Amino acid sequence: MISIRQILQPGHVNLSLSSTELEPSVSEVLSLLSGDLRILQWNVLRESVLQRCAPAINAHGCGIIIAHGRTDAVGSLVMAVGRSQEGFPSNDTTQNVRLVFVAGIPFALNNEYLRVVGTIARLCSNKELVQELLSASRPDAFIDILCSGETVL
């Protein structure tokens, strides 16, 4: 089983997104993965993630997007995260979107894909954990909060 800590790197966490709309925010978070050696074909990954049009979901006090693409353009699971201080509106949720997760998953890791996306969704249903993510001051602290929640699941 692959853990979030094995997938998500501090350099792939942006705690101050500048985008104020859905697709530009997903693109901004996705750009954090540019240059990652696990990505075999950048343009294919980008298209795979953007064409899915990930809906926002309500969490405790904010909207969350989990944009992901299943593609062999990645050699292993990759993930990036962005946080918007003010958030931005989405037609899918009554709360402003504040957290944007982006993942690239190879087809061969279908079970891991389901587990990772499901884990993020379950973690974001925990009110205290969401509030900790919204107030994390550093990328490594953000990852630590996610991983502490993952071990409880």
Protein backbone atom coordinates (compact mmCIF):
# COMPACT_ATOMS: atom_id res chain seq x y z
CA MET A 1 0.00 0.00 0.00
CA ILE A 2 1.35 3.40 -1.02
CA SER A 3 1.00 6.19 1.53
CA ILE A 4 0.34 9.86 0.88
CA ARG A 5 3.80 10.63 2.26
CA GLN A 6 5.33 8.52 -0.53
CA ILE A 7 3.36 10.41 -3.17
CA LEU A 8 3.19 14.04 -1.99
CA GLN A 9 6.37 16.11 -1.71
CA PRO A 10 6.70 19.49 0.06
CA GLY A 11 7.61 21.17 -3.23
CA HIS A 12 4.25 20.05 -4.59
CA VAL A 13 2.23 21.94 -1.96
CA ASN A 14 1.23 25.57 -2.60
CA LEU A 15 -0.40 27.16 0.45
CA SER A 16 -1.19 30.42 -1.37
CA LEU A 17 -2.98 29.77 -4.66
CA SER A 18 -3.48 32.87 -6.76
CA SER A 19 -6.14 31.46 -9.11
CA THR A 20 -9.74 32.35 -8.38
CA GLU A 21 -11.54 29.94 -10.73
CA LEU A 22 -11.81 26.17 -11.01
CA GLU A 23 -9.80 25.30 -14.13
CA PRO A 24 -7.03 27.86 -13.58
CA SER A 25 -6.63 26.65 -9.98
CA VAL A 26 -6.34 23.03 -11.10
CA SER A 27 -3.77 24.11 -13.71
CA GLU A 28 -1.85 26.10 -11.10
CA VAL A 29 -1.67 23.09 -8.77
CA LEU A 30 -0.85 20.76 -11.64
CA SER A 31 2.06 23.00 -12.63
CA LEU A 32 3.72 22.14 -9.29
CA LEU A 33 4.36 18.68 -10.76
CA SER A 34 6.20 20.03 -13.79
CA GLY A 35 9.66 18.50 -13.90
CA ASP A 36 8.79 15.58 -11.59
CA LEU A 37 10.71 12.55 -12.87
CA ARG A 38 7.72 10.28 -12.26
CA ILE A 39 5.91 12.07 -15.10
CA LEU A 40 6.71 10.48 -18.44
CA GLN A 41 4.52 12.66 -20.69
CA TRP A 42 3.59 16.04 -19.21
CA ASN A 43 1.04 17.08 -21.86
CA VAL A 44 -0.81 13.75 -21.66
CA LEU A 45 -1.03 13.99 -17.86
CA ARG A 46 -2.21 17.60 -18.05
CA GLU A 47 -4.93 16.78 -20.57
CA SER A 48 -6.02 13.72 -18.59
CA VAL A 49 -6.49 15.76 -15.40
CA LEU A 50 -8.13 18.79 -17.04
CA GLN A 51 -10.63 16.86 -19.16
CA ARG A 52 -12.18 15.17 -16.12
CA CYS A 53 -13.69 18.45 -14.88
CA ALA A 54 -13.52 17.48 -11.21
CA PRO A 55 -16.55 18.67 -9.23
CA ALA A 56 -16.09 20.46 -5.94
CA ILE A 57 -17.40 18.81 -2.80
CA ASN A 58 -18.48 20.39 0.47
CA ALA A 59 -16.24 19.85 3.44
CA HIS A 60 -16.40 21.54 6.82
CA GLY A 61 -16.35 25.23 6.02
CA CYS A 62 -14.89 24.97 2.54
CA GLY A 63 -15.14 23.38 -0.87
CA ILE A 64 -12.58 20.82 -1.99
CA ILE A 65 -11.61 19.66 -5.46
CA ILE A 66 -9.94 16.31 -6.12
CA ALA A 67 -8.86 16.49 -9.77
CA HIS A 68 -7.20 13.34 -11.05
CA GLY A 69 -6.22 11.61 -14.23
CA ARG A 70 -5.66 7.92 -14.83
CA THR A 71 -2.95 7.63 -17.44
CA ASP A 72 0.24 5.82 -18.28
CA ALA A 73 1.83 9.25 -18.74
CA VAL A 74 3.02 8.77 -15.15
CA GLY A 75 5.34 6.01 -13.99
CA SER A 76 3.91 6.04 -10.47
CA LEU A 77 1.39 7.98 -8.42
CA VAL A 78 2.00 11.75 -8.28
CA MET A 79 0.12 14.36 -6.28
CA ALA A 80 0.08 18.11 -5.72
CA VAL A 81 -2.07 20.28 -3.47
CA GLY A 82 -3.02 23.92 -3.40
CA ARG A 83 -4.78 26.01 -0.79
CA SER A 84 -6.58 29.26 -1.48
CA GLN A 85 -6.66 31.72 1.40
CA GLU A 86 -9.95 33.36 0.38
CA GLY A 87 -11.34 30.56 -1.75
CA PHE A 88 -13.33 30.91 -4.93
CA PRO A 89 -16.90 30.03 -5.89
CA SER A 90 -17.92 26.84 -7.65
CA ASN A 91 -21.28 25.83 -9.10
CA ASP A 92 -20.88 22.44 -7.38
CA THR A 93 -20.77 23.61 -3.78
CA THR A 94 -22.20 26.26 -1.50
CA GLN A 95 -18.79 26.81 0.10
CA ASN A 96 -15.87 28.60 -1.52
CA VAL A 97 -13.25 26.15 -2.77
CA ARG A 98 -10.14 26.38 -0.60
CA LEU A 99 -8.34 23.08 -1.18
CA VAL A 100 -7.38 21.69 -4.59
CA PHE A 101 -5.84 18.21 -4.85
CA VAL A 102 -4.42 16.96 -8.15
CA ALA A 103 -3.27 13.38 -8.74
CA GLY A 104 -1.89 11.39 -11.65
CA ILE A 105 -2.38 7.64 -11.45
CA PRO A 106 -1.02 4.95 -13.81
CA PHE A 107 -3.66 2.51 -15.09
CA ALA A 108 -1.74 -0.39 -13.49
CA LEU A 109 -2.38 1.06 -10.03
CA ASN A 110 -6.18 1.08 -10.23
CA ASN A 111 -6.66 -0.17 -6.65
CA GLU A 112 -4.23 2.45 -5.31
CA TYR A 113 -6.09 5.10 -7.33
CA LEU A 114 -9.36 4.22 -5.63
CA ARG A 115 -7.72 4.06 -2.22
CA VAL A 116 -5.85 7.38 -2.51
CA VAL A 117 -8.80 9.38 -3.88
CA GLY A 118 -11.12 7.74 -1.32
CA THR A 119 -8.68 8.48 1.50
CA ILE A 120 -8.50 12.16 0.58
CA ALA A 121 -12.30 12.37 0.43
CA ARG A 122 -12.65 10.69 3.85
CA LEU A 123 -9.93 12.85 5.40
CA CYS A 124 -11.74 15.96 4.18
CA SER A 125 -14.91 14.81 5.94
CA ASN A 126 -13.11 15.29 9.27
CA LYS A 127 -13.86 18.81 10.50
CA GLU A 128 -10.81 19.14 12.75
CA LEU A 129 -8.44 17.84 10.09
CA VAL A 130 -9.81 20.24 7.47
CA GLN A 131 -9.36 23.15 9.86
CA GLU A 132 -5.76 22.05 10.53
CA LEU A 133 -5.10 21.87 6.77
CA LEU A 134 -6.54 25.36 6.32
CA SER A 135 -4.24 26.74 8.99
CA ALA A 136 -1.02 24.81 8.23
CA SER A 137 1.87 27.25 7.96
CA ARG A 138 4.32 25.14 5.93
CA PRO A 139 4.05 22.50 3.19
CA ASP A 140 5.72 19.83 5.35
CA ALA A 141 3.23 20.56 8.17
CA PHE A 142 0.35 20.25 5.66
CA ILE A 143 1.67 16.82 4.60
CA ASP A 144 2.13 15.75 8.24
CA ILE A 145 -1.51 16.62 8.96
CA LEU A 146 -2.72 14.58 5.96
CA CYS A 147 -0.54 11.63 6.94
CA SER A 148 -1.64 11.69 10.56
CA GLY A 149 -5.23 11.45 9.38
CA GLU A 150 -4.34 8.70 6.92
CA THR A 151 -2.91 6.49 9.67
CA VAL A 152 -6.15 6.77 11.64
CA LEU A 153 -8.28 5.54 8.73
